[in-house]
Amino acid sequence: MLAIIHKHLGVPDKRIITIPKFLYRLGMRSIINEYKEKGLEPGLDPIGLVEIMTRQAFIDKRTIVEELGVEGDDIDRAIGESVRLCMEVLDGKQQTISMKGE
């Protein structure tokens, strides 16, 4: 999927690096310490997410189609549309709504 995202960002040959779990944990500890200093609670446990965030996820297409009844789609096109929308938001060309709880 990252290769598709890179293609739509105009950097198709950009190298994809998988971060080792120990480095992810180390980085998350730093962020948790920053949160503590500010008196914030992250909500989810970032250290507990290491297994999910470092996994190459794959779901068998048969499971999606047969068991969930999802019809096929042009994944490349869908990801491309999402990337373009994100870039428009970052460039200030699209308005978004705030998801911040007040």
Protein backbone atom coordinates (compact mmCIF):
# COMPACT_ATOMS: atom_id res chain seq x y z
CA MET A 1 0.00 0.00 0.00
CA LEU A 2 2.83 2.44 0.76
CA ALA A 3 4.12 1.96 -2.77
CA ILE A 4 0.71 3.08 -4.09
CA ILE A 5 0.73 6.11 -1.78
CA HIS A 6 4.25 7.04 -2.90
CA LYS A 7 3.16 6.75 -6.53
CA HIS A 8 0.32 9.22 -5.99
CA LEU A 9 2.59 11.58 -4.04
CA GLY A 10 4.92 11.66 -7.04
CA VAL A 11 7.76 9.77 -5.36
CA PRO A 12 7.32 6.21 -6.69
CA ASP A 13 10.90 5.16 -5.99
CA LYS A 14 10.99 6.40 -2.39
CA ARG A 15 12.43 3.74 -0.11
CA ILE A 16 10.13 2.15 2.47
CA ILE A 17 11.78 1.38 5.79
CA THR A 18 10.23 -0.88 8.41
CA ILE A 19 11.16 0.34 11.88
CA PRO A 20 12.26 -2.41 14.29
CA LYS A 21 9.96 -2.90 17.27
CA PHE A 22 12.60 -1.86 19.82
CA LEU A 23 13.04 1.51 18.05
CA TYR A 24 9.28 2.04 17.94
CA ARG A 25 9.05 1.35 21.69
CA LEU A 26 11.93 3.73 22.37
CA GLY A 27 10.29 6.50 20.36
CA MET A 28 6.93 5.95 22.05
CA ARG A 29 8.52 6.14 25.51
CA SER A 30 9.83 9.57 24.56
CA ILE A 31 6.36 10.70 23.49
CA ILE A 32 4.77 9.27 26.65
CA ASN A 33 7.27 11.23 28.76
CA GLU A 34 6.36 14.42 26.88
CA TYR A 35 2.68 13.74 27.58
CA LYS A 36 3.38 13.20 31.29
CA GLU A 37 5.31 16.48 31.50
CA LYS A 38 2.27 18.28 30.03
CA GLY A 39 -0.17 16.42 32.29
CA LEU A 40 -1.79 14.64 29.33
CA GLU A 41 -2.96 11.05 29.01
CA PRO A 42 -2.62 9.52 25.52
CA GLY A 43 -5.85 7.50 25.74
CA LEU A 44 -4.49 4.42 24.00
CA ASP A 45 -1.30 2.76 25.18
CA PRO A 46 1.27 3.57 22.46
CA ILE A 47 3.62 0.84 23.70
CA GLY A 48 0.79 -1.69 23.48
CA LEU A 49 0.25 -0.75 19.82
CA VAL A 50 3.75 -1.84 18.78
CA GLU A 51 2.55 -5.18 17.43
CA ILE A 52 -0.06 -3.51 15.23
CA MET A 53 2.04 -0.57 14.06
CA THR A 54 4.98 -2.74 12.98
CA ARG A 55 3.00 -5.47 11.24
CA GLN A 56 2.64 -5.97 7.52
CA ALA A 57 -1.12 -6.50 7.49
CA PHE A 58 -2.79 -8.79 4.98
CA ILE A 59 -6.37 -10.02 4.73
CA ASP A 60 -7.12 -12.77 2.25
CA LYS A 61 -9.33 -11.39 -0.53
CA ARG A 62 -11.51 -14.49 -0.32
CA THR A 63 -12.35 -13.64 3.31
CA ILE A 64 -13.34 -10.10 2.36
CA VAL A 65 -15.48 -11.11 -0.62
CA GLU A 66 -17.06 -14.35 0.60
CA GLU A 67 -17.44 -13.79 4.33
CA LEU A 68 -17.96 -10.04 4.44
CA GLY A 69 -19.69 -9.66 1.08
CA VAL A 70 -17.52 -6.73 0.00
CA GLU A 71 -17.39 -6.13 -3.74
CA GLY A 72 -14.15 -5.47 -5.57
CA ASP A 73 -12.89 -1.93 -6.04
CA ASP A 74 -10.03 -0.15 -7.72
CA ILE A 75 -7.75 0.17 -4.69
CA ASP A 76 -5.13 2.17 -6.58
CA ARG A 77 -7.75 4.75 -7.61
CA ALA A 78 -9.29 4.90 -4.12
CA ILE A 79 -5.91 5.45 -2.45
CA GLY A 80 -5.04 8.05 -5.09
CA GLU A 81 -8.25 9.97 -4.33
CA SER A 82 -7.47 9.88 -0.60
CA VAL A 83 -3.91 11.10 -1.15
CA ARG A 84 -5.09 13.97 -3.36
CA LEU A 85 -7.71 15.01 -0.79
CA CYS A 86 -5.14 14.93 2.01
CA MET A 87 -2.78 17.07 -0.03
CA GLU A 88 -5.59 19.57 -0.72
CA VAL A 89 -6.30 19.77 3.02
CA LEU A 90 -2.61 20.35 3.77
CA ASP A 91 -2.45 23.02 1.05
CA GLY A 92 -5.53 24.76 2.49
CA LYS A 93 -7.62 24.05 -0.62
CA GLN A 94 -10.15 21.90 1.27
CA GLN A 95 -11.98 22.74 4.48
CA THR A 96 -12.17 20.23 7.32
CA ILE A 97 -14.12 20.06 10.54
CA SER A 98 -12.47 19.94 13.94
CA MET A 99 -12.59 16.64 15.78
CA LYS A 100 -11.26 18.20 18.98
CA GLY A 101 -13.45 17.65 22.00
CA GLU A 102 -14.17 20.86 23.87
